[in-house]
Amino acid sequence: MISTITEALFSEPPQETLYHYTSLSGVLGIIGSRTLWASDIRYMNDSAELRHTADLVADEVAKRINEGHSRPHLLTCFLDWVKHRITNGHILFGASFRANGNLLSQWRGYSSVGKGASLGFNPRTVVACAEKQHFRMGRCIYDRVEQQALIAQVIDSVEVLAEAIEDGVERAIYHQLFEHLESDLLRLAAILKHPSFEEEQEWRLVSPVVSDYRHAGVNFREGRSMLVPYMRFSLVAEDKDAVDLDHVYLGPTPNISLSMNSMKMCLAKHNIRPVNGIEYCQIPYRQN
């Protein structure tokens, strides 16, 4: 049942330009290597959605137990398993795109010193690349009511899965059963985001679930305070020889004219000609 839920959520293809905010060094890395680094979602800046999913499960479990559910042991075992496995189990790698390529909140994060850009990728090319590499694209869900309904369906699936098991068995028996749901639960958690982030209109690119990182294409980069696991995602379709961009926003900078000129030169050097050109974000640059 839960696989049916996730398949439906990841079946809608994006139609609008997909913007990826990054630093200028990120721009050089992306267009030079023609790849995007998909980070382990537990290490991403907004990885709180994993805890958000666990909180949603906790709320639904508490609601059912308070209403007199006949199998409280099953529900509490599932909640304990979710809290542990969602951050300590199999690994899912992701990369973020926004439908809105000119958000002040994003410029504050990626262009705090006047060095940022928002790369607008062609959605058809990204989807084609995702299919070739067995990644999936999903639109993030921010509506609390919709999130609660999805989690309710997940717990319904748990109850169906455990029908043949007598309530009150050891937790380890239940946990073995729950493992059948882990991959789909991770995919779901990757796109359930706190309602406060709704303005981002995010699309999440997610990898196949990795159970053995030592034999997968996992690399490591330096983060702000730790090493961050990541996988490379190729951005070049079979019929292309360069990154396919629809549009580019240049972030706030004190040197608009020079920055625009060098960005155009850099893209042209890599044979990239955005269909809708390069545009300054029109947000005043301030250095406090």
Protein backbone atom coordinates (compact mmCIF):
# COMPACT_ATOMS: atom_id res chain seq x y z
CA MET A 1 0.00 0.00 0.00
CA ILE A 2 2.74 2.49 0.89
CA SER A 3 4.54 1.84 -2.42
CA THR A 4 1.34 2.85 -4.20
CA ILE A 5 1.34 6.11 -2.23
CA THR A 6 4.93 6.99 -3.12
CA GLU A 7 4.54 5.99 -6.76
CA ALA A 8 1.61 8.40 -7.07
CA LEU A 9 3.55 11.23 -5.39
CA PHE A 10 6.57 10.79 -7.67
CA SER A 11 4.59 10.32 -10.88
CA GLU A 12 3.86 14.02 -11.58
CA PRO A 13 6.54 15.47 -13.90
CA PRO A 14 7.56 19.11 -13.40
CA GLN A 15 6.47 21.49 -16.15
CA GLU A 16 8.12 24.73 -15.04
CA THR A 17 11.79 25.70 -15.07
CA LEU A 18 13.62 24.10 -12.14
CA TYR A 19 15.88 26.55 -10.31
CA HIS A 20 18.86 25.47 -8.23
CA TYR A 21 20.40 28.12 -5.98
CA THR A 22 24.15 27.89 -5.50
CA SER A 23 27.30 29.88 -4.86
CA LEU A 24 29.52 31.06 -7.71
CA SER A 25 31.95 28.25 -6.92
CA GLY A 26 28.96 25.92 -7.19
CA VAL A 27 28.16 27.36 -10.62
CA LEU A 28 31.69 26.60 -11.79
CA GLY A 29 31.51 23.08 -10.42
CA ILE A 30 28.11 22.31 -11.94
CA ILE A 31 28.74 23.59 -15.44
CA GLY A 32 32.33 22.36 -15.50
CA SER A 33 31.60 18.80 -14.39
CA ARG A 34 28.07 18.78 -15.87
CA THR A 35 26.91 17.15 -12.64
CA LEU A 36 24.99 18.05 -9.52
CA TRP A 37 25.96 16.77 -6.09
CA ALA A 38 23.00 15.05 -4.44
CA SER A 39 23.66 15.06 -0.70
CA ASP A 40 22.60 12.54 1.90
CA ILE A 41 19.30 14.13 2.97
CA ARG A 42 20.23 13.71 6.63
CA TYR A 43 23.01 16.27 6.07
CA MET A 44 21.14 18.80 3.96
CA ASN A 45 20.53 22.31 5.31
CA ASP A 46 16.79 21.67 5.61
CA SER A 47 16.97 18.05 6.79
CA ALA A 48 14.45 18.86 9.53
CA GLU A 49 11.80 17.30 7.26
CA LEU A 50 12.99 13.89 8.47
CA ARG A 51 12.16 14.85 12.04
CA HIS A 52 8.97 16.46 10.74
CA THR A 53 7.86 13.10 9.32
CA ALA A 54 8.63 11.37 12.63
CA ASP A 55 6.58 14.04 14.43
CA LEU A 56 3.65 13.41 12.05
CA VAL A 57 3.84 9.69 12.78
CA ALA A 58 3.94 10.41 16.53
CA ASP A 59 0.83 12.60 16.27
CA GLU A 60 -1.11 9.94 14.35
CA VAL A 61 -0.03 7.16 16.73
CA ALA A 62 -1.07 9.22 19.77
CA LYS A 63 -4.43 10.00 18.15
CA ARG A 64 -5.21 6.33 17.45
CA ILE A 65 -4.14 5.18 20.91
CA ASN A 66 -6.23 7.89 22.58
CA GLU A 67 -9.21 6.74 20.51
CA GLY A 68 -8.80 3.22 21.93
CA HIS A 69 -6.88 1.44 19.16
CA SER A 70 -6.87 -2.33 19.63
CA ARG A 71 -3.12 -2.72 18.95
CA PRO A 72 -1.25 0.00 20.86
CA HIS A 73 1.90 -2.14 21.13
CA LEU A 74 2.13 -2.37 17.35
CA LEU A 75 1.78 1.40 16.98
CA THR A 76 4.36 2.30 19.64
CA CYS A 77 6.81 -0.21 18.16
CA PHE A 78 6.36 1.37 14.74
CA LEU A 79 6.92 4.86 16.14
CA ASP A 80 10.11 3.78 17.93
CA TRP A 81 11.36 2.13 14.74
CA VAL A 82 10.60 5.23 12.64
CA LYS A 83 12.45 7.55 15.03
CA HIS A 84 15.55 5.36 14.83
CA ARG A 85 15.57 4.21 11.21
CA ILE A 86 14.66 7.48 9.58
CA THR A 87 17.99 8.96 10.66
CA ASN A 88 20.12 5.82 11.19
CA GLY A 89 18.96 3.39 8.53
CA HIS A 90 19.23 3.24 4.76
CA ILE A 91 20.49 6.33 2.94
CA LEU A 92 18.67 8.54 0.46
CA PHE A 93 20.44 11.24 -1.54
CA GLY A 94 18.68 14.35 -2.74
CA ALA A 95 19.05 17.67 -4.54
CA SER A 96 16.71 20.65 -4.32
CA PHE A 97 15.10 22.69 -7.06
CA ARG A 98 12.71 25.62 -6.72
CA ALA A 99 9.89 26.69 -8.98
CA ASN A 100 10.69 30.28 -7.95
CA GLY A 101 14.20 31.30 -8.97
CA ASN A 102 14.24 34.70 -7.32
CA LEU A 103 13.50 34.38 -3.59
CA LEU A 104 15.01 36.75 -1.04
CA SER A 105 15.19 33.97 1.57
CA GLN A 106 17.30 31.86 -0.78
CA TRP A 107 19.60 34.73 -1.74
CA ARG A 108 20.26 35.31 1.94
CA GLY A 109 21.45 31.74 2.21
CA TYR A 110 23.43 31.47 -1.03
CA SER A 111 24.52 35.03 -1.78
CA SER A 112 25.31 36.56 1.60
CA VAL A 113 28.57 38.02 0.29
CA GLY A 114 27.42 38.88 -3.23
CA LYS A 115 28.39 35.56 -4.78
CA GLY A 116 25.38 33.50 -5.82
CA ALA A 117 23.25 32.44 -8.77
CA SER A 118 20.04 30.58 -9.48
CA LEU A 119 20.40 28.15 -12.39
CA GLY A 120 17.14 27.42 -14.20
CA PHE A 121 17.26 23.90 -15.64
CA ASN A 122 15.03 22.58 -18.39
CA PRO A 123 12.55 20.27 -16.58
CA ARG A 124 12.33 17.74 -19.41
CA THR A 125 16.09 17.31 -19.44
CA VAL A 126 16.26 16.86 -15.66
CA VAL A 127 13.49 14.23 -15.77
CA ALA A 128 15.21 12.39 -18.64
CA CYS A 129 18.49 12.38 -16.70
CA ALA A 130 16.68 11.18 -13.58
CA GLU A 131 15.07 8.26 -15.40
CA LYS A 132 18.41 7.19 -16.85
CA GLN A 133 20.03 7.20 -13.39
CA HIS A 134 17.02 5.73 -11.55
CA PHE A 135 16.42 8.93 -9.57
CA ARG A 136 12.89 10.26 -9.01
CA MET A 137 11.42 13.77 -9.00
CA GLY A 138 8.75 14.70 -6.48
CA ARG A 139 6.95 17.94 -5.66
CA CYS A 140 7.29 18.75 -1.96
CA ILE A 141 4.10 18.74 0.11
CA TYR A 142 3.56 21.55 2.63
CA ASP A 143 -0.13 21.30 3.47
CA ARG A 144 -0.50 19.91 6.99
CA VAL A 145 -3.86 18.26 6.32
CA GLU A 146 -2.52 16.46 3.24
CA GLN A 147 0.55 15.34 5.18
CA GLN A 148 -1.57 13.94 8.00
CA ALA A 149 -3.74 12.06 5.51
CA LEU A 150 -0.66 10.48 3.91
CA ILE A 151 0.77 9.41 7.27
CA ALA A 152 -2.61 7.94 8.19
CA GLN A 153 -2.42 5.82 5.03
CA VAL A 154 1.10 4.71 5.99
CA ILE A 155 -0.07 3.52 9.40
CA ASP A 156 -3.06 1.80 7.77
CA SER A 157 -0.45 -0.08 5.70
CA VAL A 158 1.42 -1.04 8.85
CA GLU A 159 -1.75 -2.48 10.37
CA VAL A 160 -2.47 -4.52 7.25
CA LEU A 161 1.11 -5.78 7.10
CA ALA A 162 0.95 -6.94 10.73
CA GLU A 163 -2.48 -8.58 10.59
CA ALA A 164 -1.05 -12.10 10.83
CA ILE A 165 1.15 -11.28 13.83
CA GLU A 166 -0.26 -11.48 17.32
CA ASP A 167 -0.04 -8.21 19.23
CA GLY A 168 2.45 -8.05 22.08
CA VAL A 169 5.32 -9.91 20.38
CA GLU A 170 8.92 -8.80 20.84
CA ARG A 171 9.81 -5.53 19.16
CA ALA A 172 12.45 -7.24 16.99
CA ILE A 173 9.73 -9.25 15.21
CA TYR A 174 7.82 -6.10 14.37
CA HIS A 175 10.99 -4.32 13.30
CA GLN A 176 11.77 -7.05 10.77
CA LEU A 177 8.31 -6.52 9.36
CA PHE A 178 8.68 -2.74 9.17
CA GLU A 179 11.83 -3.09 7.06
CA HIS A 180 9.59 -3.79 4.07
CA LEU A 181 8.37 -0.18 4.35
CA GLU A 182 11.70 1.56 4.89
CA SER A 183 12.55 2.58 1.32
CA ASP A 184 9.12 4.01 0.59
CA LEU A 185 8.95 5.75 3.97
CA LEU A 186 12.27 7.49 3.24
CA ARG A 187 11.03 8.67 -0.16
CA LEU A 188 7.90 10.02 1.48
CA ALA A 189 9.89 11.77 4.22
CA ALA A 190 12.03 13.45 1.56
CA ILE A 191 9.08 15.45 0.23
CA LEU A 192 7.07 16.18 3.39
CA LYS A 193 8.26 19.62 4.45
CA HIS A 194 7.23 21.92 7.25
CA PRO A 195 4.51 24.38 6.13
CA SER A 196 6.77 27.34 7.00
CA PHE A 197 8.90 26.55 3.90
CA GLU A 198 5.98 26.71 1.48
CA GLU A 199 7.21 29.80 -0.40
CA GLU A 200 10.12 27.76 -1.76
CA GLN A 201 7.82 25.64 -3.99
CA GLU A 202 10.46 22.94 -3.92
CA TRP A 203 10.90 19.92 -6.14
CA ARG A 204 13.10 17.21 -4.67
CA LEU A 205 15.31 14.95 -6.76
CA VAL A 206 15.90 11.70 -4.85
CA SER A 207 18.21 8.78 -5.49
CA PRO A 208 17.54 5.07 -5.21
CA VAL A 209 17.74 4.00 -1.57
CA VAL A 210 21.28 2.96 -0.64
CA SER A 211 21.64 0.14 1.90
CA ASP A 212 25.39 -0.44 1.47
CA TYR A 213 27.26 2.83 0.95
CA ARG A 214 30.65 1.10 0.66
CA HIS A 215 29.69 -0.49 -2.67
CA ALA A 216 27.64 2.43 -4.02
CA GLY A 217 28.83 5.58 -5.79
CA VAL A 218 29.07 7.56 -2.56
CA ASN A 219 31.63 10.35 -2.22
CA PHE A 220 32.36 12.84 0.55
CA ARG A 221 32.76 16.61 0.58
CA GLU A 222 33.65 19.11 3.26
CA GLY A 223 30.63 20.67 4.94
CA ARG A 224 30.45 23.54 7.40
CA SER A 225 31.28 21.34 10.37
CA MET A 226 31.59 17.76 9.09
CA LEU A 227 32.09 15.53 6.05
CA VAL A 228 28.94 15.24 3.95
CA PRO A 229 28.16 12.10 1.88
CA TYR A 230 26.96 12.77 -1.67
CA MET A 231 26.36 11.14 -5.05
CA ARG A 232 27.00 12.68 -8.47
CA PHE A 233 23.97 13.26 -10.68
CA SER A 234 24.70 13.76 -14.38
CA LEU A 235 22.89 16.75 -15.91
CA VAL A 236 23.57 15.91 -19.55
CA ALA A 237 20.96 14.07 -21.61
CA GLU A 238 22.01 11.60 -24.29
CA ASP A 239 21.46 14.09 -27.12
CA LYS A 240 23.24 17.00 -25.39
CA ASP A 241 26.86 17.95 -24.87
CA ALA A 242 26.32 20.72 -22.29
CA VAL A 243 24.12 21.53 -19.30
CA ASP A 244 20.64 22.47 -20.55
CA LEU A 245 19.60 25.77 -18.92
CA ASP A 246 16.39 27.68 -19.58
CA HIS A 247 17.32 30.76 -17.56
CA VAL A 248 19.77 32.13 -15.01
CA TYR A 249 19.32 34.66 -12.21
CA LEU A 250 22.42 36.41 -10.91
CA GLY A 251 22.16 37.01 -7.18
CA PRO A 252 22.62 40.31 -5.32
CA THR A 253 26.07 41.76 -5.97
CA PRO A 254 27.80 45.15 -5.62
CA ASN A 255 29.21 44.78 -9.16
CA ILE A 256 26.17 44.09 -11.32
CA SER A 257 27.57 44.99 -14.74
CA LEU A 258 30.89 43.17 -14.33
CA SER A 259 29.25 40.13 -12.70
CA MET A 260 26.67 39.84 -15.48
CA ASN A 261 29.40 40.08 -18.11
CA SER A 262 31.62 37.38 -16.57
CA MET A 263 28.64 35.06 -16.04
CA LYS A 264 27.70 35.35 -19.73
CA MET A 265 31.30 34.70 -20.75
CA CYS A 266 31.58 31.67 -18.48
CA LEU A 267 28.38 30.07 -19.77
CA ALA A 268 29.33 30.73 -23.40
CA LYS A 269 32.75 29.18 -22.76
CA HIS A 270 30.96 25.98 -21.73
CA ASN A 271 28.62 26.13 -24.74
CA ILE A 272 25.61 27.03 -22.57
CA ARG A 273 23.07 29.47 -23.98
CA PRO A 274 20.04 29.81 -21.68
CA VAL A 275 16.87 30.02 -23.79
CA ASN A 276 15.51 32.89 -21.71
CA GLY A 277 18.85 34.53 -21.03
CA ILE A 278 20.57 35.77 -17.89
CA GLU A 279 18.82 38.21 -15.59
CA TYR A 280 19.82 40.20 -12.52
CA CYS A 281 17.62 39.47 -9.51
CA GLN A 282 16.86 43.20 -8.96
CA ILE A 283 17.35 42.80 -5.20
CA PRO A 284 19.58 45.55 -3.72
CA TYR A 285 22.88 44.30 -2.39
CA ARG A 286 23.62 45.15 1.23
CA GLN A 287 26.68 44.28 3.23
CA ASN A 288 26.09 44.76 6.96
